[in-house]
C-alpha atoms as a PDB file:
ATOM      1  CA  MET A   1      91.554 -61.969  85.442  1.00  0.00           C
ATOM      2  CA  ASN A   2      95.179 -61.668  86.494  1.00  0.00           C
ATOM      3  CA  LYS A   3      97.772 -64.348  85.874  1.00  0.00           C
ATOM      4  CA  PRO A   4      99.369 -66.128  88.868  1.00  0.00           C
ATOM      5  CA  GLY A   5     102.214 -64.013  90.257  1.00  0.00           C
ATOM      6  CA  ASP A   6     100.750 -60.808  88.820  1.00  0.00           C
ATOM      7  CA  LYS A   7     101.221 -58.003  91.355  1.00  0.00           C
ATOM      8  CA  ARG A   8      98.548 -55.640  90.063  1.00  0.00           C
ATOM      9  CA  ARG A   9      96.246 -54.079  92.654  1.00  0.00           C
ATOM     10  CA  HIS A  10      93.076 -54.898  90.733  1.00  0.00           C
ATOM     11  CA  PRO A  11      92.014 -57.795  88.499  1.00  0.00           C
ATOM     12  CA  ARG A  12      92.003 -57.133  84.768  1.00  0.00           C
ATOM     13  CA  TYR A  13      88.901 -57.903  82.741  1.00  0.00           C
ATOM     14  CA  ARG A  14      88.711 -58.494  79.015  1.00  0.00           C
ATOM     15  CA  LEU A  15      86.048 -56.102  77.849  1.00  0.00           C
ATOM     16  CA  GLU A  16      85.486 -54.906  74.340  1.00  0.00           C
ATOM     17  CA  GLY A  17      84.196 -51.509  73.481  1.00  0.00           C
ATOM     18  CA  ARG A  18      84.954 -48.248  71.830  1.00  0.00           C
ATOM     19  CA  VAL A  19      87.273 -45.814  73.594  1.00  0.00           C
ATOM     20  CA  ARG A  20      87.779 -42.138  72.948  1.00  0.00           C
ATOM     21  CA  ALA A  21      90.988 -40.576  74.269  1.00  0.00           C
ATOM     22  CA  ARG A  22      91.160 -36.798  74.457  1.00  0.00           C
ATOM     23  CA  VAL A  23      94.630 -35.255  74.513  1.00  0.00           C
ATOM     24  CA  GLY A  24      94.473 -31.482  74.673  1.00  0.00           C
ATOM     25  CA  GLY A  25      92.057 -30.520  71.922  1.00  0.00           C
ATOM     26  CA  GLU A  26      92.556 -33.717  69.914  1.00  0.00           C
ATOM     27  CA  GLU A  27      90.399 -36.820  70.130  1.00  0.00           C
ATOM     28  CA  HIS A  28      91.648 -40.316  69.236  1.00  0.00           C
ATOM     29  CA  GLU A  29      89.519 -43.447  68.911  1.00  0.00           C
ATOM     30  CA  GLY A  30      90.487 -46.967  69.843  1.00  0.00           C
ATOM     31  CA  ARG A  31      89.176 -50.335  71.048  1.00  0.00           C
ATOM     32  CA  LEU A  32      89.395 -51.502  74.628  1.00  0.00           C
ATOM     33  CA  LYS A  33      91.382 -54.728  75.133  1.00  0.00           C
ATOM     34  CA  ASN A  34      91.225 -55.009  78.921  1.00  0.00           C
ATOM     35  CA  VAL A  35      90.572 -52.818  81.922  1.00  0.00           C
ATOM     36  CA  SER A  36      91.003 -52.821  85.696  1.00  0.00           C
ATOM     37  CA  GLY A  37      90.305 -50.410  88.519  1.00  0.00           C
ATOM     38  CA  GLY A  38      93.723 -48.916  87.892  1.00  0.00           C
ATOM     39  CA  GLY A  39      93.982 -48.640  84.120  1.00  0.00           C
ATOM     40  CA  ALA A  40      93.257 -49.867  80.625  1.00  0.00           C
ATOM     41  CA  LEU A  41      94.960 -51.443  77.618  1.00  0.00           C
ATOM     42  CA  ILE A  42      93.700 -49.985  74.360  1.00  0.00           C
ATOM     43  CA  ASP A  43      94.232 -50.794  70.676  1.00  0.00           C
ATOM     44  CA  MET A  44      95.039 -47.462  69.034  1.00  0.00           C
ATOM     45  CA  PRO A  45      95.686 -46.979  65.339  1.00  0.00           C
ATOM     46  CA  GLU A  46      97.843 -43.948  66.262  1.00  0.00           C
ATOM     47  CA  PRO A  47     100.216 -44.518  69.181  1.00  0.00           C
ATOM     48  CA  LEU A  48     100.315 -41.853  71.876  1.00  0.00           C
ATOM     49  CA  GLU A  49     103.525 -40.824  73.593  1.00  0.00           C
ATOM     50  CA  ASN A  50     104.430 -42.018  77.085  1.00  0.00           C
ATOM     51  CA  ASP A  51     103.565 -39.671  79.954  1.00  0.00           C
ATOM     52  CA  LEU A  52     100.790 -37.878  78.046  1.00  0.00           C
ATOM     53  CA  PHE A  53      97.770 -37.057  80.182  1.00  0.00           C
ATOM     54  CA  VAL A  54      94.547 -38.229  78.560  1.00  0.00           C
ATOM     55  CA  GLU A  55      90.864 -38.195  79.336  1.00  0.00           C
ATOM     56  CA  LEU A  56      89.350 -41.518  78.359  1.00  0.00           C
ATOM     57  CA  HIS A  57      85.704 -42.089  77.646  1.00  0.00           C
ATOM     58  CA  LEU A  58      85.004 -45.799  78.139  1.00  0.00           C
ATOM     59  CA  GLU A  59      81.598 -47.202  77.263  1.00  0.00           C
ATOM     60  CA  GLY A  60      79.902 -48.210  80.504  1.00  0.00           C
ATOM     61  CA  LEU A  61      82.474 -46.519  82.778  1.00  0.00           C
ATOM     62  CA  GLY A  62      82.297 -42.897  81.648  1.00  0.00           C
ATOM     63  CA  ARG A  63      85.109 -40.364  81.576  1.00  0.00           C
ATOM     64  CA  LEU A  64      88.333 -41.196  83.379  1.00  0.00           C
ATOM     65  CA  PRO A  65      91.567 -39.215  83.539  1.00  0.00           C
ATOM     66  CA  GLY A  66      94.804 -41.086  83.023  1.00  0.00           C
ATOM     67  CA  ARG A  67      98.415 -41.062  81.906  1.00  0.00           C
ATOM     68  CA  VAL A  68      99.947 -43.098  79.083  1.00  0.00           C
ATOM     69  CA  VAL A  69     102.456 -45.393  80.781  1.00  0.00           C
ATOM     70  CA  ARG A  70     103.335 -47.455  77.710  1.00  0.00           C
ATOM     71  CA  GLY A  71     102.819 -46.733  74.045  1.00  0.00           C
ATOM     72  CA  ARG A  72     103.564 -49.250  71.319  1.00  0.00           C
ATOM     73  CA  GLU A  73     102.872 -49.345  67.619  1.00  0.00           C
ATOM     74  CA  ASN A  74      99.191 -50.295  67.897  1.00  0.00           C
ATOM     75  CA  GLU A  75      98.326 -50.048  71.580  1.00  0.00           C
ATOM     76  CA  ILE A  76      98.641 -47.930  74.674  1.00  0.00           C
ATOM     77  CA  ALA A  77      98.499 -48.720  78.380  1.00  0.00           C
ATOM     78  CA  VAL A  78      96.879 -46.017  80.497  1.00  0.00           C
ATOM     79  CA  LYS A  79      97.049 -45.721  84.276  1.00  0.00           C
ATOM     80  CA  PHE A  80      94.016 -43.933  85.664  1.00  0.00           C
ATOM     81  CA  THR A  81      94.849 -40.822  87.692  1.00  0.00           C
ATOM     82  CA  VAL A  82      92.057 -41.190  90.219  1.00  0.00           C
ATOM     83  CA  ASP A  83      92.021 -41.532  93.981  1.00  0.00           C
ATOM     84  CA  GLU A  84      91.833 -44.878  95.769  1.00  0.00           C
ATOM     85  CA  ASP A  85      88.072 -44.625  96.370  1.00  0.00           C
ATOM     86  CA  GLU A  86      87.456 -44.100  92.651  1.00  0.00           C
ATOM     87  CA  GLU A  87      89.737 -47.056  91.796  1.00  0.00           C
ATOM     88  CA  LYS A  88      87.654 -49.243  94.119  1.00  0.00           C
ATOM     89  CA  ARG A  89      84.399 -47.980  92.580  1.00  0.00           C
ATOM     90  CA  ILE A  90      85.670 -48.811  89.083  1.00  0.00           C
ATOM     91  CA  ALA A  91      86.900 -52.247  90.220  1.00  0.00           C
ATOM     92  CA  MET A  92      83.539 -53.043  91.858  1.00  0.00           C
ATOM     93  CA  LYS A  93      81.635 -51.991  88.744  1.00  0.00           C
ATOM     94  CA  LEU A  94      83.896 -54.148  86.554  1.00  0.00           C
ATOM     95  CA  GLU A  95      83.415 -57.126  88.855  1.00  0.00           C
ATOM     96  CA  ARG A  96      79.615 -56.787  88.682  1.00  0.00           C
ATOM     97  CA  VAL A  97      79.679 -56.489  84.888  1.00  0.00           C
ATOM     98  CA  ASN A  98      82.066 -59.448  84.538  1.00  0.00           C
ATOM     99  CA  PHE A  99      79.968 -61.781  86.688  1.00  0.00           C
ATOM    100  CA  LYS A 100      76.770 -60.873  84.816  1.00  0.00           C
ATOM    101  CA  SER A 101      78.370 -61.996  81.543  1.00  0.00           C
END
């Protein structure tokens, strides 16, 4: 969940799982750290450059388009490039999964 004072639109959930990020014809694998209706934080052995468009495949959520908004040595933050209805659908699915745990 979000920390007090956090201004994100959707709560973040700590979920673990494998992530595949496709950039052009290349595929990169990583591990999900947390996810929200608006984006994901991913451990990546190879950092990806900021502003790259990626297609993520997240276990349990499917394929989601996004843009790298922050790349560091071993992780990337991706903002999903989906419409508001899709953000809400993702957020609702995450909430259901989180409360079942």
